[in-house]
């Protein structure tokens, strides 16, 4: 009735960058997460263990404004499918993010 708790998962990440010029860099990143231990035994007991799959892709533009100041602009797209909640927490999301870093 009570299942053995297993929460094994795979995680993969890949990052690449390209130097456009002396002040500008372009980065791209991909990540993948898979947990495939979910077993639906809800007719007998509380189902446990993880069952999720996530993907994410980001592209970042980095620009040096001066020696002390750096600006970045990032776009990302993410998906998540969670088996434990029957798809009620699944999502697809976009991200737009900008920052300025000042070093002194």
N, C-alpha and C. Protein backbone atom coordinates (compact mmCIF):
# COMPACT_ATOMS: atom_id res chain seq x y z
N UNK A 1 0.81 -1.21 0.00
CA UNK A 1 0.00 0.00 0.00
C UNK A 1 0.85 1.27 0.00
N UNK A 2 1.79 1.35 0.91
CA UNK A 2 2.67 2.52 0.96
C UNK A 2 3.86 2.25 0.06
N UNK A 3 4.05 3.10 -0.90
CA UNK A 3 5.12 2.87 -1.85
C UNK A 3 6.46 3.39 -1.33
N UNK A 4 7.50 2.79 -1.84
CA UNK A 4 8.85 3.20 -1.49
C UNK A 4 9.12 4.58 -2.08
N UNK A 5 9.72 5.44 -1.29
CA UNK A 5 9.99 6.79 -1.75
C UNK A 5 11.23 6.82 -2.65
N UNK A 6 11.03 7.23 -3.88
CA UNK A 6 12.11 7.39 -4.85
C UNK A 6 11.97 8.75 -5.50
N UNK A 7 13.02 9.51 -5.52
CA UNK A 7 13.00 10.82 -6.16
C UNK A 7 14.27 11.02 -6.96
N UNK A 8 14.50 10.13 -7.90
CA UNK A 8 15.65 10.26 -8.80
C UNK A 8 15.30 11.26 -9.89
N UNK A 9 16.31 11.96 -10.37
CA UNK A 9 16.06 12.94 -11.41
C UNK A 9 17.30 13.12 -12.28
N UNK A 10 17.06 13.68 -13.47
CA UNK A 10 18.12 14.06 -14.41
C UNK A 10 18.09 15.57 -14.55
N UNK A 11 19.26 16.15 -14.64
CA UNK A 11 19.37 17.59 -14.83
C UNK A 11 20.46 17.84 -15.88
N UNK A 12 20.13 18.60 -16.91
CA UNK A 12 21.07 18.90 -17.97
C UNK A 12 21.07 20.41 -18.19
N UNK A 13 22.25 20.97 -18.35
CA UNK A 13 22.36 22.39 -18.60
C UNK A 13 23.45 22.63 -19.64
N UNK A 14 23.19 23.57 -20.54
CA UNK A 14 24.15 23.89 -21.59
C UNK A 14 24.18 25.40 -21.74
N UNK A 15 25.38 25.97 -21.74
CA UNK A 15 25.56 27.41 -21.90
C UNK A 15 26.62 27.66 -22.97
N UNK A 16 26.32 28.59 -23.87
CA UNK A 16 27.30 28.98 -24.87
C UNK A 16 27.31 30.50 -24.97
N UNK A 17 28.44 31.04 -25.37
CA UNK A 17 28.57 32.48 -25.47
C UNK A 17 29.30 32.84 -26.75
N UNK A 18 29.00 34.03 -27.25
CA UNK A 18 29.66 34.53 -28.45
C UNK A 18 30.06 35.98 -28.20
N UNK A 19 31.30 36.28 -28.44
CA UNK A 19 31.84 37.61 -28.25
C UNK A 19 31.60 38.41 -29.53
N UNK A 20 30.62 39.32 -29.51
CA UNK A 20 30.26 40.08 -30.71
C UNK A 20 31.29 41.15 -31.05
N UNK A 21 31.71 41.90 -30.02
CA UNK A 21 32.76 42.89 -30.21
C UNK A 21 33.39 43.18 -28.85
N UNK A 22 34.22 44.21 -28.77
CA UNK A 22 34.96 44.48 -27.53
C UNK A 22 34.06 44.80 -26.35
N UNK A 23 32.82 45.23 -26.59
CA UNK A 23 31.94 45.61 -25.49
C UNK A 23 30.67 44.77 -25.38
N UNK A 24 30.45 43.86 -26.30
CA UNK A 24 29.17 43.15 -26.33
C UNK A 24 29.36 41.64 -26.42
N UNK A 25 28.63 40.92 -25.58
CA UNK A 25 28.60 39.45 -25.59
C UNK A 25 27.17 38.98 -25.73
N UNK A 26 27.01 37.81 -26.31
CA UNK A 26 25.71 37.17 -26.45
C UNK A 26 25.81 35.77 -25.83
N UNK A 27 24.87 35.44 -24.94
CA UNK A 27 24.86 34.12 -24.30
C UNK A 27 23.53 33.43 -24.57
N UNK A 28 23.59 32.12 -24.71
CA UNK A 28 22.38 31.31 -24.84
C UNK A 28 22.51 30.13 -23.87
N UNK A 29 21.41 29.82 -23.19
CA UNK A 29 21.42 28.73 -22.21
C UNK A 29 20.17 27.88 -22.38
N UNK A 30 20.35 26.58 -22.19
CA UNK A 30 19.24 25.62 -22.20
C UNK A 30 19.36 24.74 -20.96
N UNK A 31 18.25 24.47 -20.31
CA UNK A 31 18.29 23.49 -19.22
C UNK A 31 17.09 22.55 -19.33
N UNK A 32 17.30 21.36 -18.80
CA UNK A 32 16.29 20.30 -18.85
C UNK A 32 16.30 19.59 -17.50
N UNK A 33 15.12 19.29 -16.99
CA UNK A 33 14.97 18.56 -15.73
C UNK A 33 13.91 17.50 -15.92
N UNK A 34 14.20 16.28 -15.47
CA UNK A 34 13.24 15.18 -15.56
C UNK A 34 13.29 14.37 -14.28
N UNK A 35 12.14 14.21 -13.67
CA UNK A 35 11.96 13.30 -12.54
C UNK A 35 10.83 12.36 -12.93
N UNK A 36 11.12 11.08 -13.03
CA UNK A 36 10.15 10.12 -13.56
C UNK A 36 9.90 8.99 -12.55
N UNK A 37 9.54 9.35 -11.32
CA UNK A 37 9.29 8.36 -10.28
C UNK A 37 7.84 8.32 -9.83
N UNK A 38 6.98 9.12 -10.42
CA UNK A 38 5.59 9.19 -9.99
C UNK A 38 4.85 7.91 -10.33
N UNK A 39 4.11 7.41 -9.35
CA UNK A 39 3.27 6.23 -9.54
C UNK A 39 1.92 6.53 -8.91
N UNK A 40 0.89 6.64 -9.71
CA UNK A 40 -0.43 7.00 -9.21
C UNK A 40 -1.09 5.82 -8.52
N UNK A 41 -1.01 5.81 -7.21
CA UNK A 41 -1.69 4.79 -6.41
C UNK A 41 -2.77 5.44 -5.56
N UNK A 42 -3.41 6.47 -6.09
CA UNK A 42 -4.39 7.25 -5.32
C UNK A 42 -5.63 6.44 -4.93
N UNK A 43 -5.88 5.31 -5.55
CA UNK A 43 -7.03 4.49 -5.13
C UNK A 43 -6.76 3.74 -3.83
N UNK A 44 -5.47 3.64 -3.42
CA UNK A 44 -5.12 2.95 -2.19
C UNK A 44 -4.54 3.87 -1.12
N UNK A 45 -3.79 4.87 -1.55
CA UNK A 45 -3.05 5.69 -0.60
C UNK A 45 -2.70 7.03 -1.25
N UNK A 46 -1.98 7.84 -0.52
CA UNK A 46 -1.51 9.13 -1.03
C UNK A 46 -0.37 8.88 -2.03
N UNK A 47 -0.48 9.37 -3.28
CA UNK A 47 0.62 9.19 -4.22
C UNK A 47 1.79 10.13 -3.86
N UNK A 48 2.96 9.56 -3.86
CA UNK A 48 4.17 10.32 -3.57
C UNK A 48 5.11 10.22 -4.76
N UNK A 49 6.32 10.68 -4.56
CA UNK A 49 7.39 10.66 -5.55
C UNK A 49 7.17 11.75 -6.60
N UNK A 50 8.23 12.08 -7.27
CA UNK A 50 8.21 13.17 -8.24
C UNK A 50 7.94 12.66 -9.65
N UNK A 51 7.24 13.46 -10.39
CA UNK A 51 7.02 13.21 -11.80
C UNK A 51 6.91 14.54 -12.52
N UNK A 52 8.03 15.07 -12.94
CA UNK A 52 8.03 16.40 -13.54
C UNK A 52 9.00 16.46 -14.71
N UNK A 53 8.69 17.35 -15.66
CA UNK A 53 9.58 17.61 -16.77
C UNK A 53 9.59 19.11 -17.02
N UNK A 54 10.78 19.69 -17.05
CA UNK A 54 10.92 21.13 -17.26
C UNK A 54 11.93 21.39 -18.37
N UNK A 55 11.67 22.44 -19.14
CA UNK A 55 12.59 22.93 -20.17
C UNK A 55 12.71 24.43 -19.99
N UNK A 56 13.88 24.96 -20.29
CA UNK A 56 14.08 26.40 -20.24
C UNK A 56 15.14 26.84 -21.23
N UNK A 57 14.88 27.95 -21.90
CA UNK A 57 15.82 28.53 -22.86
C UNK A 57 15.92 30.02 -22.55
N UNK A 58 17.16 30.53 -22.46
CA UNK A 58 17.36 31.96 -22.29
C UNK A 58 18.40 32.46 -23.28
N UNK A 59 18.24 33.71 -23.66
CA UNK A 59 19.20 34.41 -24.51
C UNK A 59 19.49 35.74 -23.82
N UNK A 60 20.79 36.03 -23.64
CA UNK A 60 21.18 37.23 -22.90
C UNK A 60 22.16 38.07 -23.73
N UNK A 61 21.89 39.36 -23.78
CA UNK A 61 22.79 40.31 -24.41
C UNK A 61 23.47 41.10 -23.29
N UNK A 62 24.80 41.08 -23.25
CA UNK A 62 25.59 41.78 -22.24
C UNK A 62 26.38 42.89 -22.91
N UNK A 63 26.32 44.08 -22.36
CA UNK A 63 26.99 45.23 -22.96
C UNK A 63 27.74 46.02 -21.89
N UNK A 64 29.03 46.22 -22.11
CA UNK A 64 29.83 47.06 -21.21
C UNK A 64 29.64 48.50 -21.60
N UNK A 65 29.12 49.30 -20.69
CA UNK A 65 28.93 50.72 -20.93
C UNK A 65 30.21 51.48 -20.59
N UNK A 66 30.85 51.07 -19.50
CA UNK A 66 32.15 51.61 -19.10
C UNK A 66 32.89 50.51 -18.34
N UNK A 67 34.07 50.82 -17.82
CA UNK A 67 34.80 49.80 -17.05
C UNK A 67 34.05 49.39 -15.79
N UNK A 68 33.25 50.28 -15.25
CA UNK A 68 32.55 50.00 -14.00
C UNK A 68 31.07 49.64 -14.20
N UNK A 69 30.52 49.87 -15.38
CA UNK A 69 29.08 49.66 -15.58
C UNK A 69 28.83 48.66 -16.71
N UNK A 70 27.89 47.74 -16.42
CA UNK A 70 27.52 46.71 -17.39
C UNK A 70 26.00 46.59 -17.43
N UNK A 71 25.45 46.47 -18.63
CA UNK A 71 24.01 46.34 -18.83
C UNK A 71 23.72 44.97 -19.43
N UNK A 72 22.59 44.38 -19.03
CA UNK A 72 22.20 43.10 -19.62
C UNK A 72 20.70 43.11 -19.93
N UNK A 73 20.35 42.38 -20.98
CA UNK A 73 18.96 42.19 -21.37
C UNK A 73 18.78 40.70 -21.64
N UNK A 74 17.78 40.10 -21.00
CA UNK A 74 17.58 38.65 -21.11
C UNK A 74 16.14 38.34 -21.50
N UNK A 75 16.00 37.35 -22.39
CA UNK A 75 14.69 36.79 -22.73
C UNK A 75 14.74 35.30 -22.43
N UNK A 76 13.66 34.78 -21.86
CA UNK A 76 13.60 33.35 -21.57
C UNK A 76 12.22 32.78 -21.83
N UNK A 77 12.20 31.49 -22.14
CA UNK A 77 10.95 30.75 -22.30
C UNK A 77 11.08 29.45 -21.50
N UNK A 78 10.06 29.14 -20.69
CA UNK A 78 10.11 27.99 -19.78
C UNK A 78 8.81 27.21 -19.86
N UNK A 79 8.92 25.88 -19.75
CA UNK A 79 7.74 25.03 -19.66
C UNK A 79 7.91 24.07 -18.49
N UNK A 80 6.80 23.67 -17.90
CA UNK A 80 6.81 22.72 -16.79
C UNK A 80 5.59 21.82 -16.90
N UNK A 81 5.79 20.54 -16.73
CA UNK A 81 4.68 19.57 -16.66
C UNK A 81 4.89 18.73 -15.41
N UNK A 82 3.95 18.81 -14.49
CA UNK A 82 4.05 18.14 -13.19
C UNK A 82 2.96 17.07 -13.10
N UNK A 83 3.35 15.80 -13.04
CA UNK A 83 2.38 14.70 -13.02
C UNK A 83 1.68 14.54 -11.67
N UNK A 84 2.34 14.92 -10.58
CA UNK A 84 1.78 14.72 -9.25
C UNK A 84 0.47 15.47 -9.05
N UNK A 85 0.33 16.64 -9.67
CA UNK A 85 -0.87 17.46 -9.50
C UNK A 85 -1.83 17.36 -10.67
N UNK A 86 -1.67 16.37 -11.50
CA UNK A 86 -2.60 16.13 -12.59
C UNK A 86 -2.62 17.22 -13.66
N UNK A 87 -1.54 17.92 -13.81
CA UNK A 87 -1.47 18.98 -14.82
C UNK A 87 -1.98 20.32 -14.36
N UNK A 88 -2.46 20.44 -13.12
CA UNK A 88 -3.02 21.70 -12.63
C UNK A 88 -1.97 22.77 -12.36
N UNK A 89 -0.71 22.37 -12.22
CA UNK A 89 0.37 23.35 -11.99
C UNK A 89 1.28 23.49 -13.21
N UNK A 90 0.89 22.93 -14.35
CA UNK A 90 1.69 23.06 -15.57
C UNK A 90 1.70 24.51 -16.02
N UNK A 91 2.78 24.90 -16.67
CA UNK A 91 2.83 26.27 -17.17
C UNK A 91 3.78 26.40 -18.35
N UNK A 92 3.58 27.46 -19.07
CA UNK A 92 4.49 27.98 -20.09
C UNK A 92 4.68 29.44 -19.73
N UNK A 93 5.92 29.89 -19.67
CA UNK A 93 6.17 31.26 -19.21
C UNK A 93 7.25 31.93 -20.04
N UNK A 94 7.09 33.23 -20.21
CA UNK A 94 8.08 34.06 -20.87
C UNK A 94 8.72 34.96 -19.81
N UNK A 95 9.96 35.32 -20.04
CA UNK A 95 10.70 36.18 -19.13
C UNK A 95 11.41 37.25 -19.93
N UNK A 96 11.27 38.50 -19.49
CA UNK A 96 12.08 39.60 -20.03
C UNK A 96 12.68 40.28 -18.82
N UNK A 97 14.00 40.41 -18.82
CA UNK A 97 14.72 40.89 -17.65
C UNK A 97 15.86 41.79 -18.10
N UNK A 98 16.02 42.91 -17.41
CA UNK A 98 17.11 43.82 -17.70
C UNK A 98 17.75 44.25 -16.39
N UNK A 99 19.06 44.46 -16.42
CA UNK A 99 19.76 44.91 -15.21
C UNK A 99 20.95 45.77 -15.59
N UNK A 100 21.34 46.60 -14.65
CA UNK A 100 22.55 47.39 -14.75
C UNK A 100 23.40 47.07 -13.53
N UNK A 101 24.65 46.74 -13.78
CA UNK A 101 25.57 46.41 -12.71
C UNK A 101 26.65 47.50 -12.65
N UNK A 102 26.86 48.02 -11.45
CA UNK A 102 27.90 49.02 -11.26
C UNK A 102 28.91 48.51 -10.25
N UNK A 103 30.15 48.42 -10.64
CA UNK A 103 31.22 47.95 -9.75
C UNK A 103 32.07 49.13 -9.33
N UNK A 104 32.31 49.24 -8.02
CA UNK A 104 33.20 50.31 -7.56
C UNK A 104 34.24 49.80 -6.65
